[in-house]
Amino acid sequence: MLSWIPVVIMMAATPKSNELHELPLYILYKQFETKEECVKVVLKDQDVMFYKAWETYKFKLLPNYISCVREDHLEKVMFQNKNIQTNWSYNGG
């Protein structure tokens, strides 16, 4: 069964920022069995997740939105994207 992972998409005003593989992302490696469970936690902890993403990008990029992404889709994006920051230790807000 595939898991769902919260991903913060950061704002980027670069010529290539419309291309998914160029978007700055912040991946929270907290896996959920269902999209509904992921969305519930994201709604509860959105402020904490946004702050951690902002802090990780050294306060230079603002978080834009959070999406719960299926693990297999995320792997494809990670393979192509060179502008990703991760938080392997996120345990909730």
N, C-alpha and C. Protein backbone atom coordinates (compact mmCIF):
# COMPACT_ATOMS: atom_id res chain seq x y z
N MET A 1 0.84 -1.19 0.00
CA MET A 1 0.00 0.00 0.00
C MET A 1 0.88 1.25 0.00
N LEU A 2 0.56 2.17 -0.84
CA LEU A 2 1.33 3.41 -0.93
C LEU A 2 0.96 4.36 0.20
N SER A 3 1.93 5.09 0.69
CA SER A 3 1.67 6.05 1.75
C SER A 3 1.56 7.46 1.16
N TRP A 4 1.09 8.37 2.00
CA TRP A 4 0.93 9.78 1.64
C TRP A 4 1.88 10.59 2.49
N ILE A 5 2.52 11.60 1.89
CA ILE A 5 3.54 12.39 2.56
C ILE A 5 3.24 13.88 2.36
N PRO A 6 3.29 14.68 3.45
CA PRO A 6 3.08 16.12 3.29
C PRO A 6 4.29 16.78 2.62
N VAL A 7 4.00 17.66 1.66
CA VAL A 7 5.05 18.39 0.95
C VAL A 7 4.68 19.86 0.94
N VAL A 8 5.61 20.69 1.38
CA VAL A 8 5.41 22.14 1.33
C VAL A 8 6.04 22.65 0.04
N ILE A 9 5.25 23.35 -0.74
CA ILE A 9 5.73 23.96 -1.97
C ILE A 9 6.05 25.42 -1.65
N MET A 10 7.30 25.80 -1.91
CA MET A 10 7.75 27.14 -1.57
C MET A 10 7.49 28.08 -2.74
N MET A 11 7.36 29.37 -2.44
CA MET A 11 7.21 30.37 -3.50
C MET A 11 8.56 30.57 -4.16
N ALA A 12 8.54 30.64 -5.47
CA ALA A 12 9.78 30.89 -6.21
C ALA A 12 9.45 31.74 -7.42
N ALA A 13 10.18 32.82 -7.56
CA ALA A 13 9.95 33.71 -8.70
C ALA A 13 11.15 33.61 -9.63
N THR A 14 11.28 32.44 -10.22
CA THR A 14 12.37 32.23 -11.17
C THR A 14 11.75 31.87 -12.52
N PRO A 15 12.46 32.04 -13.59
CA PRO A 15 11.90 31.71 -14.91
C PRO A 15 11.43 30.26 -15.02
N LYS A 16 12.06 29.35 -14.30
CA LYS A 16 11.71 27.95 -14.40
C LYS A 16 10.75 27.50 -13.30
N SER A 17 10.27 28.40 -12.48
CA SER A 17 9.47 28.00 -11.32
C SER A 17 8.11 27.41 -11.70
N ASN A 18 7.74 27.49 -12.96
CA ASN A 18 6.49 26.86 -13.40
C ASN A 18 6.67 25.38 -13.69
N GLU A 19 7.91 24.94 -13.77
CA GLU A 19 8.18 23.55 -14.05
C GLU A 19 8.31 22.79 -12.72
N LEU A 20 7.56 21.71 -12.59
CA LEU A 20 7.52 20.97 -11.33
C LEU A 20 8.90 20.55 -10.86
N HIS A 21 9.76 20.14 -11.76
CA HIS A 21 11.08 19.67 -11.35
C HIS A 21 12.00 20.81 -10.91
N GLU A 22 11.57 22.05 -11.02
CA GLU A 22 12.37 23.18 -10.58
C GLU A 22 11.80 23.85 -9.33
N LEU A 23 10.64 23.44 -8.88
CA LEU A 23 10.02 24.06 -7.71
C LEU A 23 10.79 23.72 -6.44
N PRO A 24 11.03 24.70 -5.58
CA PRO A 24 11.63 24.39 -4.29
C PRO A 24 10.58 23.71 -3.40
N LEU A 25 10.93 22.56 -2.90
CA LEU A 25 10.01 21.78 -2.07
C LEU A 25 10.63 21.50 -0.71
N TYR A 26 9.77 21.29 0.27
CA TYR A 26 10.19 20.87 1.59
C TYR A 26 9.34 19.65 1.93
N ILE A 27 9.99 18.51 2.06
CA ILE A 27 9.28 17.25 2.26
C ILE A 27 9.36 16.84 3.72
N LEU A 28 8.22 16.61 4.29
CA LEU A 28 8.15 16.15 5.67
C LEU A 28 7.98 14.64 5.65
N TYR A 29 8.99 13.94 6.10
CA TYR A 29 8.92 12.48 6.02
C TYR A 29 8.14 11.89 7.18
N LYS A 30 6.90 12.24 7.18
CA LYS A 30 5.91 11.64 8.08
C LYS A 30 4.92 10.98 7.14
N GLN A 31 4.85 9.68 7.14
CA GLN A 31 4.00 8.97 6.20
C GLN A 31 2.65 8.63 6.82
N PHE A 32 1.63 8.68 5.97
CA PHE A 32 0.27 8.37 6.38
C PHE A 32 -0.31 7.31 5.46
N GLU A 33 -1.15 6.48 6.00
CA GLU A 33 -1.75 5.40 5.21
C GLU A 33 -2.80 5.91 4.24
N THR A 34 -3.49 7.00 4.60
CA THR A 34 -4.54 7.53 3.74
C THR A 34 -4.33 9.02 3.52
N LYS A 35 -4.88 9.50 2.42
CA LYS A 35 -4.82 10.94 2.14
C LYS A 35 -5.59 11.72 3.20
N GLU A 36 -6.71 11.18 3.62
CA GLU A 36 -7.53 11.86 4.63
C GLU A 36 -6.76 12.06 5.93
N GLU A 37 -6.01 11.04 6.35
CA GLU A 37 -5.22 11.14 7.57
C GLU A 37 -4.12 12.20 7.40
N CYS A 38 -3.48 12.23 6.24
CA CYS A 38 -2.45 13.22 5.96
C CYS A 38 -3.04 14.64 6.00
N VAL A 39 -4.15 14.83 5.33
CA VAL A 39 -4.79 16.15 5.28
C VAL A 39 -5.19 16.61 6.69
N LYS A 40 -5.68 15.71 7.51
CA LYS A 40 -6.08 16.05 8.87
C LYS A 40 -4.89 16.59 9.67
N VAL A 41 -3.74 15.94 9.57
CA VAL A 41 -2.55 16.39 10.29
C VAL A 41 -2.02 17.69 9.69
N VAL A 42 -2.04 17.81 8.39
CA VAL A 42 -1.58 19.05 7.73
C VAL A 42 -2.44 20.23 8.18
N LEU A 43 -3.73 20.05 8.24
CA LEU A 43 -4.60 21.15 8.68
C LEU A 43 -4.31 21.53 10.12
N LYS A 44 -4.02 20.54 10.95
CA LYS A 44 -3.74 20.80 12.37
C LYS A 44 -2.38 21.46 12.57
N ASP A 45 -1.38 21.02 11.83
CA ASP A 45 0.00 21.46 12.05
C ASP A 45 0.56 22.36 10.95
N GLN A 46 -0.28 22.95 10.15
CA GLN A 46 0.16 23.74 9.01
C GLN A 46 1.14 24.84 9.40
N ASP A 47 0.86 25.57 10.45
CA ASP A 47 1.74 26.67 10.84
C ASP A 47 3.15 26.18 11.19
N VAL A 48 3.22 25.08 11.91
CA VAL A 48 4.52 24.51 12.29
C VAL A 48 5.26 24.03 11.05
N MET A 49 4.56 23.36 10.15
CA MET A 49 5.18 22.86 8.93
C MET A 49 5.68 24.01 8.07
N PHE A 50 4.88 25.06 7.93
CA PHE A 50 5.30 26.23 7.16
C PHE A 50 6.55 26.87 7.77
N TYR A 51 6.55 27.01 9.08
CA TYR A 51 7.70 27.64 9.74
C TYR A 51 8.96 26.81 9.53
N LYS A 52 8.87 25.49 9.71
CA LYS A 52 10.03 24.62 9.52
C LYS A 52 10.57 24.72 8.09
N ALA A 53 9.66 24.78 7.12
CA ALA A 53 10.08 24.91 5.73
C ALA A 53 10.78 26.25 5.51
N TRP A 54 10.20 27.31 6.02
CA TRP A 54 10.75 28.65 5.88
C TRP A 54 12.13 28.72 6.52
N GLU A 55 12.25 28.17 7.72
CA GLU A 55 13.51 28.14 8.45
C GLU A 55 14.58 27.34 7.67
N THR A 56 14.18 26.21 7.12
CA THR A 56 15.11 25.36 6.38
C THR A 56 15.67 26.07 5.16
N TYR A 57 14.85 26.88 4.52
CA TYR A 57 15.31 27.66 3.37
C TYR A 57 15.92 28.99 3.81
N LYS A 58 16.35 29.05 5.08
CA LYS A 58 17.05 30.20 5.64
C LYS A 58 16.25 31.50 5.51
N PHE A 59 14.93 31.38 5.61
CA PHE A 59 14.00 32.51 5.59
C PHE A 59 14.06 33.31 4.28
N LYS A 60 14.55 32.69 3.21
CA LYS A 60 14.66 33.37 1.92
C LYS A 60 13.47 33.09 1.00
N LEU A 61 12.83 31.94 1.18
CA LEU A 61 11.65 31.59 0.40
C LEU A 61 10.47 31.37 1.33
N LEU A 62 9.33 31.90 0.93
CA LEU A 62 8.12 31.72 1.73
C LEU A 62 7.39 30.45 1.31
N PRO A 63 6.80 29.76 2.28
CA PRO A 63 5.97 28.61 1.90
C PRO A 63 4.71 29.09 1.20
N ASN A 64 4.30 28.36 0.18
CA ASN A 64 3.13 28.73 -0.60
C ASN A 64 1.92 27.88 -0.19
N TYR A 65 2.07 26.57 -0.24
CA TYR A 65 0.98 25.69 0.19
C TYR A 65 1.53 24.31 0.50
N ILE A 66 0.70 23.51 1.14
CA ILE A 66 1.06 22.13 1.49
C ILE A 66 0.13 21.20 0.74
N SER A 67 0.70 20.14 0.25
CA SER A 67 -0.09 19.12 -0.42
C SER A 67 0.31 17.75 0.11
N CYS A 68 -0.65 16.86 0.21
CA CYS A 68 -0.36 15.48 0.55
C CYS A 68 -0.15 14.74 -0.76
N VAL A 69 1.03 14.17 -0.91
CA VAL A 69 1.43 13.57 -2.18
C VAL A 69 1.65 12.07 -1.99
N ARG A 70 1.16 11.30 -2.94
CA ARG A 70 1.37 9.86 -2.89
C ARG A 70 2.85 9.55 -3.05
N GLU A 71 3.32 8.59 -2.30
CA GLU A 71 4.74 8.24 -2.26
C GLU A 71 5.34 7.98 -3.66
N ASP A 72 4.64 7.28 -4.51
CA ASP A 72 5.19 6.98 -5.83
C ASP A 72 5.31 8.23 -6.70
N HIS A 73 4.39 9.17 -6.55
CA HIS A 73 4.48 10.43 -7.29
C HIS A 73 5.64 11.28 -6.77
N LEU A 74 5.81 11.25 -5.46
CA LEU A 74 6.89 12.02 -4.85
C LEU A 74 8.26 11.51 -5.29
N GLU A 75 8.39 10.22 -5.42
CA GLU A 75 9.66 9.64 -5.86
C GLU A 75 10.02 10.14 -7.26
N LYS A 76 9.04 10.26 -8.13
CA LYS A 76 9.30 10.76 -9.48
C LYS A 76 9.77 12.21 -9.44
N VAL A 77 9.13 13.03 -8.62
CA VAL A 77 9.50 14.44 -8.51
C VAL A 77 10.89 14.56 -7.90
N MET A 78 11.17 13.77 -6.87
CA MET A 78 12.48 13.84 -6.22
C MET A 78 13.60 13.46 -7.17
N PHE A 79 13.34 12.54 -8.04
CA PHE A 79 14.36 12.10 -9.00
C PHE A 79 14.74 13.24 -9.95
N GLN A 80 13.80 14.12 -10.26
CA GLN A 80 14.03 15.20 -11.21
C GLN A 80 14.40 16.53 -10.56
N ASN A 81 14.02 16.73 -9.30
CA ASN A 81 14.14 18.03 -8.66
C ASN A 81 15.44 18.14 -7.87
N LYS A 82 16.21 19.19 -8.13
CA LYS A 82 17.47 19.40 -7.43
C LYS A 82 17.32 20.43 -6.31
N ASN A 83 16.14 20.94 -6.11
CA ASN A 83 15.92 22.03 -5.15
C ASN A 83 14.97 21.58 -4.04
N ILE A 84 15.33 20.50 -3.36
CA ILE A 84 14.47 19.93 -2.33
C ILE A 84 15.18 19.96 -0.99
N GLN A 85 14.45 20.36 0.03
CA GLN A 85 14.92 20.26 1.41
C GLN A 85 14.00 19.26 2.11
N THR A 86 14.56 18.53 3.05
CA THR A 86 13.74 17.54 3.75
C THR A 86 13.86 17.69 5.25
N ASN A 87 12.88 17.15 5.92
CA ASN A 87 12.90 17.07 7.38
C ASN A 87 12.63 15.62 7.74
N TRP A 88 13.69 14.90 7.98
CA TRP A 88 13.56 13.47 8.27
C TRP A 88 13.04 13.22 9.67
N SER A 89 13.08 14.22 10.54
CA SER A 89 12.73 13.99 11.95
C SER A 89 11.42 14.62 12.38
N TYR A 90 10.58 15.05 11.44
CA TYR A 90 9.32 15.68 11.81
C TYR A 90 8.42 14.68 12.53
N ASN A 91 7.99 15.04 13.73
CA ASN A 91 7.12 14.18 14.52
C ASN A 91 5.82 14.86 14.89
N GLY A 92 5.48 15.90 14.23
CA GLY A 92 4.26 16.63 14.54
C GLY A 92 4.58 17.89 15.31
N GLY A 93 3.59 18.78 15.37
CA GLY A 93 3.78 20.06 16.00
C GLY A 93 3.64 19.98 17.44
